[in-house]
Amino acid sequence: MSRMRSVLRGCGSYLPARIMTNAELAEKVDTSDEWIVQRTGIHARHIAADDEPTSTLGLKAAQAALADAGIPASEVDLIIVATATPDHTFPATATQIQAALGITQGAAFDLQAVCSGFVFALATADKFLTSGAARTAIVIGAETFSRILDWEDRATCVLFGDGAGAVVLQAEEGAGTLADRGVLTTHVRSDGRYMNKLYVDGGPGSTKTVGFLRMEGREVFKHAVVNLADTVRHTFEETGLSGADIDWFVPHQANRRIIDATAHKLGISEDRVVVTVGQHGNTSAASIPLALAQAHMDGRIKPGQLVLIEAMGGGFTWGSALIRW
């Protein structure tokens, strides 16, 4: 039985020009390159300039994705921006990107699921496209986490960076089998009981301030490996696939040890894992689309291949998606 699929037409990314190395961080806080690399796998991260708000990063990623897809902005009728660092409390960052692209039709809105945001946004866009509510969508993950970091807290400031990635999706009729191109399945979950393990200690509705990111690293690590493997297990049960069938595993780029542990648990070999955390750090909702764009542009991900993405973020939120490129 045929069914509509959300087919990925193009990828794009943008990273700020400024690169902050571990050596530079070691001049600010009590840390070292060896300490950071050993525990996280991170060597450097990009930091947005003062005149680069989240919308600017997201706009440049969206423009790159549209160019890669060969699709004019005038065809887009849905924009979803996954971000935890919007330009303003309102309006949505997505509407600013919509206006900058010259788009006046359709809908544009933000989605907040922290590091899982891109997966949640992709799942949401998929529902719009496959139901016929939209035809062409841009899904963007964009973050300026450098603005919510306590630069005196070495446990968190060494982990995060800024950046944006985007994909263009279009509705297309498929045969209704796993051989179809496009998003094949998505699974998203959340459990608010763990809010205090990873959160920002401020907000307009509570402290009337922006606040800083706070994290219990060991607890996050423990839950991440278990939760990520669990959501992918549902994907495998639904499709009848296993880790051996996945061509590329593109996880959230939070920590090299979490990536390695999750891939091992899923039976996915190291040579099929896309890893960018070393150069980008943790860019929250931007990390997966940044990694997808890099692996697409360098030719690793090829048409017809199965790509598995997954992420976990504060809240906790977590999710996965299976895509045939």
Protein backbone atom coordinates (compact mmCIF):
# COMPACT_ATOMS: atom_id res chain seq x y z
CA MET A 1 0.00 0.00 0.00
CA SER A 2 1.49 3.34 -1.04
CA ARG A 3 2.00 6.12 1.49
CA MET A 4 3.44 9.61 1.64
CA ARG A 5 7.05 9.98 2.77
CA SER A 6 9.10 12.99 3.84
CA VAL A 7 12.07 12.81 1.48
CA LEU A 8 15.29 14.62 2.34
CA ARG A 9 16.25 16.87 -0.56
CA GLY A 10 19.19 18.83 0.83
CA CYS A 11 21.43 19.61 3.82
CA GLY A 12 23.19 22.75 4.93
CA SER A 13 25.19 24.03 7.86
CA TYR A 14 26.84 27.10 9.31
CA LEU A 15 29.56 27.44 11.93
CA PRO A 16 30.75 30.79 13.33
CA ALA A 17 34.26 31.80 12.28
CA ARG A 18 35.66 32.02 15.79
CA ILE A 19 37.16 28.78 17.09
CA MET A 20 37.86 28.38 20.80
CA THR A 21 40.46 25.72 21.54
CA ASN A 22 40.95 23.78 24.75
CA ALA A 23 44.17 25.69 25.30
CA GLU A 24 42.23 28.97 25.29
CA LEU A 25 39.75 27.55 27.79
CA ALA A 26 42.61 26.47 30.03
CA GLU A 27 43.49 30.17 30.39
CA LYS A 28 39.98 30.89 31.74
CA VAL A 29 39.28 27.94 34.07
CA ASP A 30 41.20 25.20 35.86
CA THR A 31 41.33 22.65 33.06
CA SER A 32 43.65 21.33 30.34
CA ASP A 33 43.48 19.99 26.81
CA GLU A 34 44.32 16.51 28.10
CA TRP A 35 41.55 16.61 30.74
CA ILE A 36 38.90 17.74 28.25
CA VAL A 37 39.87 15.34 25.46
CA GLN A 38 40.12 12.34 27.77
CA ARG A 39 36.66 12.86 29.23
CA THR A 40 34.75 14.22 26.21
CA GLY A 41 36.71 13.85 22.98
CA ILE A 42 36.33 17.59 22.36
CA HIS A 43 39.31 19.54 20.98
CA ALA A 44 37.60 22.82 19.96
CA ARG A 45 34.27 24.53 19.51
CA HIS A 46 32.87 27.48 17.49
CA ILE A 47 31.64 30.62 19.25
CA ALA A 48 29.14 33.03 17.67
CA ALA A 49 30.14 36.66 17.26
CA ASP A 50 28.22 39.36 19.12
CA ASP A 51 26.30 40.21 15.94
CA GLU A 52 25.40 36.56 15.24
CA PRO A 53 22.16 35.67 17.03
CA THR A 54 20.63 32.22 16.65
CA SER A 55 18.44 33.41 13.76
CA THR A 56 21.50 34.43 11.74
CA LEU A 57 23.10 31.01 12.19
CA GLY A 58 19.84 29.27 11.31
CA LEU A 59 19.25 31.45 8.26
CA LYS A 60 22.68 30.67 6.79
CA ALA A 61 22.18 26.94 7.37
CA ALA A 62 18.72 27.11 5.74
CA GLN A 63 20.09 28.98 2.72
CA ALA A 64 22.82 26.36 2.31
CA ALA A 65 20.26 23.54 2.55
CA LEU A 66 18.00 25.14 -0.06
CA ALA A 67 20.98 25.60 -2.39
CA ASP A 68 21.97 21.97 -1.91
CA ALA A 69 18.41 20.86 -2.64
CA GLY A 70 18.06 23.14 -5.65
CA ILE A 71 14.69 24.28 -4.32
CA PRO A 72 13.65 27.97 -4.21
CA ALA A 73 12.52 29.43 -0.89
CA SER A 74 9.19 30.27 -2.53
CA GLU A 75 8.23 26.57 -2.43
CA VAL A 76 8.67 26.28 1.35
CA ASP A 77 5.46 26.23 3.37
CA LEU A 78 6.78 25.02 6.73
CA ILE A 79 9.78 26.08 8.84
CA ILE A 80 10.52 24.50 12.20
CA VAL A 81 13.47 25.72 14.24
CA ALA A 82 14.69 23.51 17.06
CA THR A 83 16.46 25.73 19.59
CA ALA A 84 16.88 26.32 23.30
CA THR A 85 18.53 29.71 22.66
CA PRO A 86 16.03 31.81 20.67
CA ASP A 87 16.79 35.41 19.78
CA HIS A 88 13.78 36.61 21.78
CA THR A 89 11.21 35.22 24.19
CA PHE A 90 8.90 35.92 21.24
CA PRO A 91 8.41 36.06 18.32
CA ALA A 92 9.69 32.64 17.27
CA THR A 93 13.14 32.57 15.72
CA ALA A 94 11.58 30.60 12.86
CA THR A 95 9.45 33.57 11.85
CA GLN A 96 12.55 35.77 11.60
CA ILE A 97 14.19 33.21 9.33
CA GLN A 98 10.96 32.94 7.32
CA ALA A 99 10.94 36.70 6.75
CA ALA A 100 14.64 36.79 5.86
CA LEU A 101 14.03 34.10 3.22
CA GLY A 102 11.20 36.16 1.76
CA ILE A 103 8.58 33.51 2.56
CA THR A 104 5.07 34.75 3.32
CA GLN A 105 3.04 31.55 3.06
CA GLY A 106 2.70 28.58 5.37
CA ALA A 107 3.76 28.35 9.01
CA ALA A 108 6.96 28.93 10.95
CA PHE A 109 7.49 28.09 14.61
CA ASP A 110 10.11 27.08 17.18
CA LEU A 111 10.30 23.75 19.00
CA GLN A 112 12.08 23.30 22.33
CA ALA A 113 13.39 19.87 23.30
CA VAL A 114 17.00 20.97 23.95
CA CYS A 115 19.53 18.50 22.48
CA SER A 116 16.72 16.26 21.19
CA GLY A 117 15.17 19.24 19.42
CA PHE A 118 16.17 18.32 15.88
CA VAL A 119 14.76 14.80 16.21
CA PHE A 120 11.51 16.18 17.66
CA ALA A 121 11.34 18.83 14.90
CA LEU A 122 11.98 16.24 12.18
CA ALA A 123 9.24 14.02 13.60
CA THR A 124 6.86 17.00 13.68
CA ALA A 125 7.64 18.05 10.10
CA ASP A 126 7.16 14.45 8.99
CA LYS A 127 3.62 14.50 10.39
CA PHE A 128 2.83 17.73 8.52
CA LEU A 129 4.18 16.42 5.22
CA THR A 130 2.76 12.92 5.31
CA SER A 131 -0.69 14.21 6.32
CA GLY A 132 -0.80 16.68 3.44
CA ALA A 133 -0.74 19.73 5.74
CA ALA A 134 2.48 20.94 4.08
CA ARG A 135 4.47 20.15 0.96
CA THR A 136 8.01 21.46 1.52
CA ALA A 137 9.66 21.97 4.91
CA ILE A 138 12.91 23.30 6.29
CA VAL A 139 13.90 21.77 9.62
CA ILE A 140 16.64 23.71 11.40
CA GLY A 141 18.66 23.08 14.53
CA ALA A 142 20.35 26.31 15.65
CA GLU A 143 22.00 27.23 18.94
CA THR A 144 24.12 29.89 20.61
CA PHE A 145 24.81 27.99 23.82
CA SER A 146 27.83 30.19 24.54
CA ARG A 147 25.30 32.79 25.77
CA ILE A 148 23.92 30.54 28.55
CA LEU A 149 27.23 29.13 29.84
CA ASP A 150 28.83 29.94 33.17
CA TRP A 151 32.37 30.48 31.96
CA GLU A 152 33.68 29.85 35.48
CA ASP A 153 32.14 26.36 35.65
CA ARG A 154 34.68 24.02 34.08
CA ALA A 155 32.25 21.08 34.20
CA THR A 156 29.98 22.71 31.61
CA CYS A 157 31.76 25.52 29.75
CA VAL A 158 34.21 23.09 28.10
CA LEU A 159 31.41 21.05 26.54
CA PHE A 160 29.33 23.36 24.38
CA GLY A 161 29.60 25.36 21.17
CA ASP A 162 27.50 27.30 18.67
CA GLY A 163 26.29 26.41 15.20
CA ALA A 164 23.35 25.52 12.97
CA GLY A 165 22.33 22.79 10.57
CA ALA A 166 19.27 22.37 8.36
CA VAL A 167 17.54 19.91 6.07
CA VAL A 168 14.94 20.40 3.35
CA LEU A 169 12.14 17.83 3.21
CA GLN A 170 9.46 17.31 0.56
CA ALA A 171 6.38 15.10 0.55
CA GLU A 172 6.59 12.30 -2.00
CA GLU A 173 4.52 9.19 -2.52
CA GLY A 174 6.31 5.95 -1.71
CA ALA A 175 5.46 2.27 -1.98
CA GLY A 176 4.97 1.98 1.78
CA THR A 177 7.98 -0.29 2.29
CA LEU A 178 11.37 0.09 3.96
CA ALA A 179 12.84 0.57 0.50
CA ASP A 180 11.15 3.99 0.25
CA ARG A 181 13.29 7.10 0.39
CA GLY A 182 12.60 9.48 3.25
CA VAL A 183 11.74 9.33 6.94
CA LEU A 184 10.72 5.74 7.68
CA THR A 185 9.99 5.93 11.40
CA THR A 186 10.41 8.28 14.38
CA HIS A 187 10.18 7.75 18.13
CA VAL A 188 10.23 10.55 20.72
CA ARG A 189 10.03 10.37 24.51
CA SER A 190 10.32 12.59 27.58
CA ASP A 191 10.36 12.24 31.36
CA GLY A 192 10.20 15.47 33.36
CA ARG A 193 11.22 13.84 36.64
CA TYR A 194 14.88 14.39 35.72
CA MET A 195 14.72 18.14 35.10
CA ASN A 196 17.33 18.94 37.76
CA LYS A 197 19.96 16.73 36.10
CA LEU A 198 20.32 19.06 33.11
CA TYR A 199 18.66 22.48 33.03
CA VAL A 200 19.10 26.25 32.90
CA ASP A 201 18.63 27.99 36.25
CA GLY A 202 16.57 30.91 34.93
CA GLY A 203 13.81 31.99 32.62
CA PRO A 204 11.29 34.80 32.01
CA GLY A 205 8.49 32.98 33.84
CA SER A 206 10.53 32.12 36.94
CA THR A 207 13.56 34.29 37.66
CA LYS A 208 13.03 36.91 34.91
CA THR A 209 16.62 36.21 33.87
CA VAL A 210 18.30 34.10 31.21
CA GLY A 211 20.17 31.88 33.67
CA PHE A 212 23.07 29.47 33.19
CA LEU A 213 23.25 25.84 32.13
CA ARG A 214 23.63 23.37 35.02
CA MET A 215 24.35 19.66 34.70
CA GLU A 216 25.05 16.52 36.71
CA GLY A 217 27.38 14.92 34.21
CA ARG A 218 27.54 11.38 35.59
CA GLU A 219 23.76 11.12 35.88
CA VAL A 220 23.27 12.41 32.34
CA PHE A 221 25.79 9.89 31.00
CA LYS A 222 24.06 7.01 32.75
CA HIS A 223 20.60 7.91 31.50
CA ALA A 224 21.81 8.77 28.00
CA VAL A 225 23.21 5.35 27.15
CA VAL A 226 20.13 3.54 28.50
CA ASN A 227 17.51 5.88 27.00
CA LEU A 228 19.13 6.16 23.59
CA ALA A 229 19.48 2.41 23.23
CA ASP A 230 15.85 2.04 24.31
CA THR A 231 14.40 4.39 21.69
CA VAL A 232 16.46 2.74 18.93
CA ARG A 233 15.29 -0.68 20.13
CA HIS A 234 11.72 0.43 19.34
CA THR A 235 12.88 1.41 15.85
CA PHE A 236 14.41 -2.02 15.31
CA GLU A 237 11.32 -3.80 16.65
CA GLU A 238 9.03 -1.79 14.36
CA THR A 239 11.11 -2.33 11.23
CA GLY A 240 12.66 -5.74 11.85
CA LEU A 241 16.12 -4.23 11.31
CA SER A 242 19.23 -4.42 13.47
CA GLY A 243 22.43 -2.47 13.94
CA ALA A 244 24.00 -4.48 11.13
CA ASP A 245 21.49 -3.01 8.65
CA ILE A 246 22.35 0.62 9.42
CA ASP A 247 24.71 2.27 6.92
CA TRP A 248 25.34 5.38 9.03
CA PHE A 249 24.69 6.15 12.68
CA VAL A 250 24.54 9.92 13.28
CA PRO A 251 24.04 10.48 17.02
CA HIS A 252 23.78 13.68 19.01
CA GLN A 253 27.32 14.95 19.46
CA ALA A 254 27.49 15.42 23.23
CA ASN A 255 30.40 13.31 24.37
CA ARG A 256 32.62 10.82 22.55
CA ARG A 257 32.27 8.27 25.35
CA ILE A 258 28.45 8.38 25.13
CA ILE A 259 28.62 7.99 21.35
CA ASP A 260 30.96 5.00 21.56
CA ALA A 261 28.98 3.31 24.34
CA THR A 262 25.67 3.73 22.51
CA ALA A 263 27.03 2.45 19.19
CA HIS A 264 28.51 -0.59 20.94
CA LYS A 265 25.20 -1.30 22.69
CA LEU A 266 23.37 -1.14 19.35
CA GLY A 267 25.87 -3.35 17.52
CA ILE A 268 27.02 -0.59 15.15
CA SER A 269 30.71 -0.63 14.24
CA GLU A 270 32.87 2.45 14.74
CA ASP A 271 33.48 2.89 11.01
CA ARG A 272 29.75 3.54 10.47
CA VAL A 273 29.43 6.28 13.10
CA VAL A 274 29.61 9.97 12.11
CA VAL A 275 31.51 11.87 14.80
CA THR A 276 31.98 15.65 14.81
CA VAL A 277 32.06 16.35 18.55
CA GLY A 278 35.84 16.78 18.49
CA GLN A 279 35.64 19.89 16.29
CA HIS A 280 32.20 21.25 17.23
CA GLY A 281 31.65 20.36 20.87
CA ASN A 282 28.04 19.88 21.94
CA THR A 283 25.90 22.20 19.82
CA SER A 284 22.61 20.90 21.28
CA ALA A 285 19.81 20.85 18.66
CA ALA A 286 22.31 21.78 15.94
CA SER A 287 24.61 18.81 16.45
CA ILE A 288 22.80 16.17 14.36
CA PRO A 289 22.08 18.37 11.31
CA LEU A 290 25.66 19.67 11.44
CA ALA A 291 26.95 16.09 11.40
CA LEU A 292 24.49 15.08 8.66
CA ALA A 293 25.58 18.01 6.50
CA GLN A 294 29.26 17.19 6.95
CA ALA A 295 28.83 13.50 6.07
CA HIS A 296 26.62 14.44 3.11
CA MET A 297 29.02 17.03 1.75
CA ASP A 298 32.10 14.79 2.05
CA GLY A 299 30.29 11.96 0.26
CA ARG A 300 30.07 9.44 3.06
CA ILE A 301 26.27 9.31 3.09
CA LYS A 302 25.01 8.17 -0.31
CA PRO A 303 21.52 7.99 -1.84
CA GLY A 304 19.62 4.89 -0.80
CA GLN A 305 21.54 4.34 2.43
CA LEU A 306 19.87 3.89 5.82
CA VAL A 307 20.72 6.63 8.31
CA LEU A 308 19.84 6.37 12.00
CA ILE A 309 19.80 9.52 14.14
CA GLU A 310 19.22 9.78 17.90
CA ALA A 311 19.59 12.29 20.72
CA MET A 312 18.91 12.95 24.38
CA GLY A 313 18.48 16.35 25.99
CA GLY A 314 17.54 18.15 29.18
CA GLY A 315 14.17 17.44 30.65
CA PHE A 316 14.89 14.56 29.93
CA THR A 317 13.86 14.25 26.29
CA TRP A 318 15.10 11.65 23.86
CA GLY A 319 14.26 10.27 20.44
CA SER A 320 15.38 8.64 17.21
CA ALA A 321 14.55 8.61 13.52
CA LEU A 322 15.35 6.25 10.67
CA ILE A 323 15.85 7.83 7.26
CA ARG A 324 16.56 6.35 3.85
CA TRP A 325 18.74 8.93 2.15
